[in-house]
Amino acid sequence: MESSERVTPPQYQSSQAEADDLRAAYQSLRSLMNGTLVALVILTGSLSVFLLREVSLVRAQVHQLNEYVVNYEANSVPIMREFRASLIEFSKVHPDFNQVLAKYFNPTNYSDSAKVAPAPPSSGAPAARMPELPEK
């Protein structure tokens, strides 16, 4: 035999084939992992955009509801209090109306205060509050 020709034993040929198979499997796994990470980044970005839009919509709704409450307290509440006062005056003139007045306007059904104060916290810790939303 010539010294330039080398004969590889069969045991080394099978280990070379196994190494090539492992390299191919590793490369396939690496490609799948990279694809999964790209998909995860896209999904996270989409979720962030969705939540940002939802927060902006909720802020707009809170602003509208605050305007509605201010309008209600400024316009409707005084009319209702005036109506109640006129019913009380009417019941003084017509005593038989007192039963109806007591049924619908007993002291637990209304409040004379302009705004009802929130209940105090049950424990010594301060109560959790919603954060103030910035005006646009």
N, C-alpha and C. Protein backbone atom coordinates (compact mmCIF):
# COMPACT_ATOMS: atom_id res chain seq x y z
N MET A 1 0.81 -1.18 0.00
CA MET A 1 0.00 0.00 0.00
C MET A 1 0.86 1.24 0.00
N GLU A 2 0.30 2.23 -0.62
CA GLU A 2 1.03 3.48 -0.64
C GLU A 2 0.75 4.25 0.64
N SER A 3 1.71 5.05 1.00
CA SER A 3 1.57 5.80 2.24
C SER A 3 0.65 7.01 2.06
N SER A 4 0.44 7.48 0.82
CA SER A 4 -0.42 8.63 0.60
C SER A 4 -1.90 8.27 0.74
N GLU A 5 -2.25 7.05 0.49
CA GLU A 5 -3.64 6.62 0.64
C GLU A 5 -3.88 6.19 2.07
N ARG A 6 -4.88 6.75 2.62
CA ARG A 6 -5.23 6.36 3.98
C ARG A 6 -6.57 5.65 3.93
N VAL A 7 -6.65 4.64 4.61
CA VAL A 7 -7.89 3.89 4.70
C VAL A 7 -8.49 4.19 6.06
N THR A 8 -9.74 4.71 6.03
CA THR A 8 -10.41 4.99 7.29
C THR A 8 -11.12 3.74 7.75
N PRO A 9 -10.91 3.37 8.96
CA PRO A 9 -11.58 2.19 9.47
C PRO A 9 -13.08 2.41 9.51
N PRO A 10 -13.90 1.36 9.45
CA PRO A 10 -15.35 1.49 9.44
C PRO A 10 -15.90 2.14 10.70
N GLN A 11 -15.25 1.99 11.82
CA GLN A 11 -15.77 2.59 13.05
C GLN A 11 -15.73 4.11 12.99
N TYR A 12 -14.73 4.67 12.29
CA TYR A 12 -14.65 6.12 12.16
C TYR A 12 -15.64 6.65 11.13
N GLN A 13 -15.99 5.87 10.15
CA GLN A 13 -16.96 6.30 9.15
C GLN A 13 -18.34 6.47 9.78
N SER A 14 -18.74 5.54 10.64
CA SER A 14 -20.05 5.66 11.29
C SER A 14 -20.09 6.84 12.26
N SER A 15 -18.99 7.10 12.96
CA SER A 15 -19.00 8.23 13.89
C SER A 15 -19.04 9.55 13.12
N GLN A 16 -18.44 9.60 11.93
CA GLN A 16 -18.51 10.79 11.10
C GLN A 16 -19.95 11.04 10.64
N ALA A 17 -20.67 9.98 10.26
CA ALA A 17 -22.06 10.09 9.83
C ALA A 17 -22.94 10.54 11.00
N GLU A 18 -22.67 10.03 12.19
CA GLU A 18 -23.43 10.45 13.38
C GLU A 18 -23.16 11.92 13.69
N ALA A 19 -21.93 12.36 13.52
CA ALA A 19 -21.59 13.76 13.78
C ALA A 19 -22.31 14.66 12.78
N ASP A 20 -22.37 14.24 11.52
CA ASP A 20 -23.09 15.03 10.51
C ASP A 20 -24.58 15.09 10.84
N ASP A 21 -25.15 13.98 11.29
CA ASP A 21 -26.56 13.95 11.69
C ASP A 21 -26.81 14.87 12.88
N LEU A 22 -25.90 14.87 13.85
CA LEU A 22 -26.04 15.73 15.02
C LEU A 22 -25.94 17.21 14.62
N ARG A 23 -25.00 17.52 13.70
CA ARG A 23 -24.87 18.90 13.23
C ARG A 23 -26.16 19.35 12.54
N ALA A 24 -26.72 18.48 11.70
CA ALA A 24 -27.96 18.82 11.00
C ALA A 24 -29.10 19.00 11.98
N ALA A 25 -29.20 18.14 12.99
CA ALA A 25 -30.25 18.27 14.00
C ALA A 25 -30.06 19.55 14.82
N TYR A 26 -28.83 19.88 15.17
CA TYR A 26 -28.53 21.10 15.92
C TYR A 26 -28.91 22.32 15.11
N GLN A 27 -28.55 22.32 13.81
CA GLN A 27 -28.88 23.45 12.95
C GLN A 27 -30.40 23.60 12.81
N SER A 28 -31.12 22.49 12.68
CA SER A 28 -32.57 22.53 12.59
C SER A 28 -33.18 23.07 13.88
N LEU A 29 -32.67 22.62 15.02
CA LEU A 29 -33.17 23.09 16.31
C LEU A 29 -32.88 24.57 16.49
N ARG A 30 -31.71 25.01 16.05
CA ARG A 30 -31.35 26.42 16.16
C ARG A 30 -32.27 27.27 15.28
N SER A 31 -32.58 26.81 14.07
CA SER A 31 -33.49 27.54 13.19
C SER A 31 -34.88 27.62 13.79
N LEU A 32 -35.37 26.53 14.38
CA LEU A 32 -36.69 26.54 15.03
C LEU A 32 -36.71 27.51 16.22
N MET A 33 -35.63 27.53 16.99
CA MET A 33 -35.56 28.43 18.15
C MET A 33 -35.55 29.89 17.69
N ASN A 34 -34.80 30.19 16.65
CA ASN A 34 -34.77 31.56 16.13
C ASN A 34 -36.15 31.97 15.60
N GLY A 35 -36.81 31.08 14.90
CA GLY A 35 -38.16 31.36 14.42
C GLY A 35 -39.14 31.59 15.55
N THR A 36 -39.01 30.78 16.60
CA THR A 36 -39.89 30.95 17.77
C THR A 36 -39.64 32.28 18.45
N LEU A 37 -38.39 32.69 18.57
CA LEU A 37 -38.08 33.97 19.20
C LEU A 37 -38.59 35.15 18.38
N VAL A 38 -38.47 35.06 17.05
CA VAL A 38 -39.00 36.12 16.19
C VAL A 38 -40.53 36.19 16.34
N ALA A 39 -41.19 35.05 16.36
CA ALA A 39 -42.65 35.03 16.53
C ALA A 39 -43.04 35.60 17.88
N LEU A 40 -42.26 35.30 18.92
CA LEU A 40 -42.55 35.82 20.26
C LEU A 40 -42.38 37.33 20.31
N VAL A 41 -41.37 37.86 19.65
CA VAL A 41 -41.18 39.31 19.62
C VAL A 41 -42.33 39.98 18.88
N ILE A 42 -42.76 39.41 17.77
CA ILE A 42 -43.89 39.97 17.01
C ILE A 42 -45.17 39.92 17.85
N LEU A 43 -45.40 38.81 18.53
CA LEU A 43 -46.59 38.68 19.36
C LEU A 43 -46.57 39.68 20.51
N THR A 44 -45.42 39.85 21.14
CA THR A 44 -45.30 40.81 22.24
C THR A 44 -45.55 42.23 21.76
N GLY A 45 -44.99 42.58 20.61
CA GLY A 45 -45.22 43.92 20.05
C GLY A 45 -46.68 44.14 19.72
N SER A 46 -47.33 43.15 19.14
CA SER A 46 -48.75 43.28 18.81
C SER A 46 -49.59 43.45 20.06
N LEU A 47 -49.28 42.69 21.10
CA LEU A 47 -50.01 42.80 22.36
C LEU A 47 -49.81 44.18 22.99
N SER A 48 -48.58 44.70 22.90
CA SER A 48 -48.32 46.04 23.45
C SER A 48 -49.11 47.10 22.71
N VAL A 49 -49.17 47.01 21.39
CA VAL A 49 -49.94 47.99 20.61
C VAL A 49 -51.43 47.87 20.95
N PHE A 50 -51.93 46.65 21.07
CA PHE A 50 -53.34 46.44 21.43
C PHE A 50 -53.64 47.06 22.80
N LEU A 51 -52.80 46.79 23.79
CA LEU A 51 -53.04 47.33 25.12
C LEU A 51 -52.93 48.85 25.14
N LEU A 52 -52.03 49.41 24.35
CA LEU A 52 -51.91 50.86 24.27
C LEU A 52 -53.19 51.48 23.70
N ARG A 53 -53.75 50.87 22.68
CA ARG A 53 -55.01 51.36 22.11
C ARG A 53 -56.15 51.23 23.13
N GLU A 54 -56.19 50.13 23.86
CA GLU A 54 -57.25 49.94 24.85
C GLU A 54 -57.14 50.98 25.96
N VAL A 55 -55.94 51.28 26.40
CA VAL A 55 -55.75 52.29 27.45
C VAL A 55 -56.22 53.65 26.96
N SER A 56 -55.90 53.98 25.71
CA SER A 56 -56.34 55.28 25.19
C SER A 56 -57.86 55.34 25.07
N LEU A 57 -58.49 54.23 24.68
CA LEU A 57 -59.96 54.21 24.60
C LEU A 57 -60.59 54.33 25.98
N VAL A 58 -60.02 53.66 26.96
CA VAL A 58 -60.56 53.73 28.33
C VAL A 58 -60.40 55.13 28.89
N ARG A 59 -59.26 55.77 28.61
CA ARG A 59 -59.07 57.14 29.09
C ARG A 59 -60.11 58.08 28.47
N ALA A 60 -60.41 57.88 27.20
CA ALA A 60 -61.42 58.71 26.55
C ALA A 60 -62.79 58.47 27.19
N GLN A 61 -63.11 57.22 27.49
CA GLN A 61 -64.39 56.91 28.13
C GLN A 61 -64.46 57.49 29.54
N VAL A 62 -63.36 57.44 30.28
CA VAL A 62 -63.35 58.02 31.62
C VAL A 62 -63.59 59.52 31.54
N HIS A 63 -62.97 60.16 30.57
CA HIS A 63 -63.16 61.60 30.40
C HIS A 63 -64.63 61.92 30.09
N GLN A 64 -65.26 61.13 29.20
CA GLN A 64 -66.67 61.34 28.87
C GLN A 64 -67.56 61.10 30.09
N LEU A 65 -67.27 60.05 30.84
CA LEU A 65 -68.09 59.76 32.02
C LEU A 65 -67.93 60.84 33.09
N ASN A 66 -66.74 61.36 33.25
CA ASN A 66 -66.54 62.45 34.21
C ASN A 66 -67.34 63.69 33.80
N GLU A 67 -67.35 63.98 32.50
CA GLU A 67 -68.17 65.11 32.03
C GLU A 67 -69.65 64.85 32.29
N TYR A 68 -70.09 63.61 32.08
CA TYR A 68 -71.50 63.26 32.32
C TYR A 68 -71.85 63.44 33.80
N VAL A 69 -70.97 62.99 34.68
CA VAL A 69 -71.24 63.10 36.12
C VAL A 69 -71.28 64.56 36.55
N VAL A 70 -70.35 65.36 36.04
CA VAL A 70 -70.36 66.79 36.38
C VAL A 70 -71.65 67.44 35.88
N ASN A 71 -72.06 67.11 34.68
CA ASN A 71 -73.31 67.64 34.12
C ASN A 71 -74.50 67.20 34.96
N TYR A 72 -74.52 65.93 35.37
CA TYR A 72 -75.62 65.40 36.18
C TYR A 72 -75.69 66.13 37.52
N GLU A 73 -74.53 66.29 38.17
CA GLU A 73 -74.53 66.95 39.48
C GLU A 73 -74.87 68.43 39.36
N ALA A 74 -74.53 69.05 38.26
CA ALA A 74 -74.81 70.48 38.11
C ALA A 74 -76.25 70.75 37.69
N ASN A 75 -76.84 69.87 36.89
CA ASN A 75 -78.17 70.15 36.35
C ASN A 75 -79.28 69.32 36.97
N SER A 76 -79.11 68.03 37.08
CA SER A 76 -80.20 67.16 37.53
C SER A 76 -80.39 67.15 39.03
N VAL A 77 -79.31 67.12 39.77
CA VAL A 77 -79.42 67.01 41.24
C VAL A 77 -80.17 68.21 41.83
N PRO A 78 -79.88 69.45 41.44
CA PRO A 78 -80.66 70.56 42.02
C PRO A 78 -82.15 70.47 41.69
N ILE A 79 -82.48 70.01 40.49
CA ILE A 79 -83.90 69.88 40.13
C ILE A 79 -84.58 68.83 41.01
N MET A 80 -83.89 67.72 41.25
CA MET A 80 -84.46 66.67 42.09
C MET A 80 -84.63 67.15 43.53
N ARG A 81 -83.66 67.92 44.02
CA ARG A 81 -83.78 68.44 45.40
C ARG A 81 -84.91 69.46 45.51
N GLU A 82 -85.06 70.25 44.48
CA GLU A 82 -86.17 71.21 44.48
C GLU A 82 -87.51 70.48 44.44
N PHE A 83 -87.60 69.42 43.65
CA PHE A 83 -88.82 68.62 43.58
C PHE A 83 -89.12 68.00 44.95
N ARG A 84 -88.10 67.46 45.60
CA ARG A 84 -88.28 66.87 46.94
C ARG A 84 -88.76 67.91 47.94
N ALA A 85 -88.16 69.09 47.87
CA ALA A 85 -88.58 70.15 48.79
C ALA A 85 -90.02 70.56 48.54
N SER A 86 -90.40 70.61 47.26
CA SER A 86 -91.80 70.97 46.97
C SER A 86 -92.76 69.87 47.42
N LEU A 87 -92.35 68.61 47.34
CA LEU A 87 -93.19 67.52 47.85
C LEU A 87 -93.34 67.60 49.37
N ILE A 88 -92.27 67.98 50.04
CA ILE A 88 -92.35 68.13 51.49
C ILE A 88 -93.31 69.27 51.84
N GLU A 89 -93.21 70.37 51.11
CA GLU A 89 -94.15 71.48 51.33
C GLU A 89 -95.59 71.05 51.04
N PHE A 90 -95.78 70.25 49.99
CA PHE A 90 -97.11 69.76 49.65
C PHE A 90 -97.65 68.84 50.74
N SER A 91 -96.78 68.03 51.34
CA SER A 91 -97.23 67.12 52.40
C SER A 91 -97.61 67.87 53.67
N LYS A 92 -97.06 69.06 53.85
CA LYS A 92 -97.44 69.86 55.02
C LYS A 92 -98.87 70.38 54.86
N VAL A 93 -99.25 70.67 53.62
CA VAL A 93 -100.61 71.17 53.36
C VAL A 93 -101.60 70.00 53.29
N HIS A 94 -101.17 68.86 52.74
CA HIS A 94 -102.02 67.68 52.59
C HIS A 94 -101.42 66.52 53.39
N PRO A 95 -101.88 66.33 54.63
CA PRO A 95 -101.28 65.32 55.50
C PRO A 95 -101.47 63.88 55.01
N ASP A 96 -102.46 63.63 54.17
CA ASP A 96 -102.64 62.27 53.68
C ASP A 96 -101.54 61.86 52.70
N PHE A 97 -100.78 62.80 52.21
CA PHE A 97 -99.68 62.52 51.28
C PHE A 97 -98.42 62.08 52.03
N ASN A 98 -98.41 62.18 53.35
CA ASN A 98 -97.22 61.81 54.14
C ASN A 98 -96.84 60.34 53.96
N GLN A 99 -97.81 59.46 53.78
CA GLN A 99 -97.49 58.04 53.60
C GLN A 99 -96.71 57.83 52.30
N VAL A 100 -97.14 58.49 51.24
CA VAL A 100 -96.43 58.37 49.96
C VAL A 100 -95.04 58.98 50.09
N LEU A 101 -94.96 60.12 50.73
CA LEU A 101 -93.67 60.77 50.92
C LEU A 101 -92.73 59.90 51.74
N ALA A 102 -93.24 59.28 52.78
CA ALA A 102 -92.41 58.42 53.62
C ALA A 102 -91.96 57.18 52.86
N LYS A 103 -92.82 56.69 51.97
CA LYS A 103 -92.47 55.48 51.21
C LYS A 103 -91.33 55.75 50.23
N TYR A 104 -91.38 56.87 49.52
CA TYR A 104 -90.40 57.13 48.47
C TYR A 104 -89.26 58.05 48.88
N PHE A 105 -89.43 58.82 49.92
CA PHE A 105 -88.40 59.76 50.33
C PHE A 105 -88.03 59.60 51.79
N ASN A 106 -87.85 58.37 52.23
CA ASN A 106 -87.41 58.20 53.62
C ASN A 106 -85.94 58.56 53.71
N PRO A 107 -85.41 58.77 54.88
CA PRO A 107 -84.04 59.27 55.03
C PRO A 107 -82.95 58.36 54.44
N THR A 108 -83.24 57.09 54.19
CA THR A 108 -82.20 56.24 53.65
C THR A 108 -82.13 56.29 52.13
N ASN A 109 -83.08 56.96 51.47
CA ASN A 109 -83.12 56.98 50.01
C ASN A 109 -82.42 58.18 49.39
N TYR A 110 -82.00 59.14 50.18
CA TYR A 110 -81.38 60.32 49.59
C TYR A 110 -80.33 60.86 50.53
N SER A 111 -79.56 61.78 50.02
CA SER A 111 -78.53 62.44 50.81
C SER A 111 -78.64 63.94 50.58
N ASP A 112 -78.58 64.71 51.64
CA ASP A 112 -78.64 66.16 51.52
C ASP A 112 -77.29 66.75 51.15
N SER A 113 -76.22 65.98 51.33
CA SER A 113 -74.90 66.53 51.02
C SER A 113 -74.70 66.59 49.52
N ALA A 114 -73.86 67.52 49.09
CA ALA A 114 -73.61 67.68 47.66
C ALA A 114 -72.90 66.46 47.09
N LYS A 115 -71.93 65.96 47.82
CA LYS A 115 -71.23 64.75 47.41
C LYS A 115 -71.09 63.86 48.63
N VAL A 116 -71.29 62.59 48.44
CA VAL A 116 -71.16 61.64 49.52
C VAL A 116 -69.69 61.33 49.71
N ALA A 117 -69.21 61.42 50.93
CA ALA A 117 -67.80 61.13 51.20
C ALA A 117 -67.56 59.63 51.10
N PRO A 118 -66.39 59.22 50.63
CA PRO A 118 -66.10 57.79 50.55
C PRO A 118 -65.97 57.19 51.93
N ALA A 119 -66.26 55.91 52.02
CA ALA A 119 -66.15 55.22 53.30
C ALA A 119 -64.70 55.17 53.74
N PRO A 120 -64.45 55.30 55.04
CA PRO A 120 -63.07 55.24 55.51
C PRO A 120 -62.51 53.84 55.34
N PRO A 121 -61.20 53.71 55.19
CA PRO A 121 -60.62 52.37 55.03
C PRO A 121 -60.86 51.53 56.27
N SER A 122 -61.05 50.23 56.05
CA SER A 122 -61.38 49.34 57.16
C SER A 122 -60.20 49.09 58.07
N SER A 123 -59.00 49.11 57.54
CA SER A 123 -57.81 48.87 58.37
C SER A 123 -57.01 50.16 58.47
N GLY A 124 -55.87 50.08 59.15
CA GLY A 124 -55.01 51.25 59.30
C GLY A 124 -54.32 51.63 58.02
N ALA A 125 -54.22 50.71 57.05
CA ALA A 125 -53.54 50.99 55.79
C ALA A 125 -54.42 51.88 54.91
N PRO A 126 -53.80 52.77 54.14
CA PRO A 126 -54.62 53.62 53.26
C PRO A 126 -55.28 52.80 52.17
N ALA A 127 -56.46 53.25 51.77
CA ALA A 127 -57.21 52.54 50.74
C ALA A 127 -56.56 52.75 49.39
N ALA A 128 -56.63 51.75 48.54
CA ALA A 128 -56.08 51.85 47.20
C ALA A 128 -56.94 52.79 46.36
N ARG A 129 -56.30 53.62 45.55
CA ARG A 129 -57.02 54.57 44.72
C ARG A 129 -56.62 54.38 43.28
N MET A 130 -57.51 54.79 42.41
CA MET A 130 -57.19 54.78 40.99
C MET A 130 -56.28 55.99 40.72
N PRO A 131 -55.28 55.83 39.86
CA PRO A 131 -54.40 56.96 39.58
C PRO A 131 -55.14 58.03 38.78
N GLU A 132 -54.71 59.26 38.97
CA GLU A 132 -55.30 60.35 38.22
C GLU A 132 -54.82 60.27 36.78
N LEU A 133 -55.75 60.46 35.85
CA LEU A 133 -55.41 60.37 34.44
C LEU A 133 -55.05 61.76 33.92
N PRO A 134 -53.99 61.88 33.15
CA PRO A 134 -53.63 63.20 32.64
C PRO A 134 -54.61 63.67 31.58
N GLU A 135 -54.84 64.94 31.56
CA GLU A 135 -55.71 65.56 30.56
C GLU A 135 -54.92 65.75 29.29
N LYS A 136 -55.60 65.60 28.16
CA LYS A 136 -54.92 65.79 26.86
C LYS A 136 -54.91 67.23 26.48
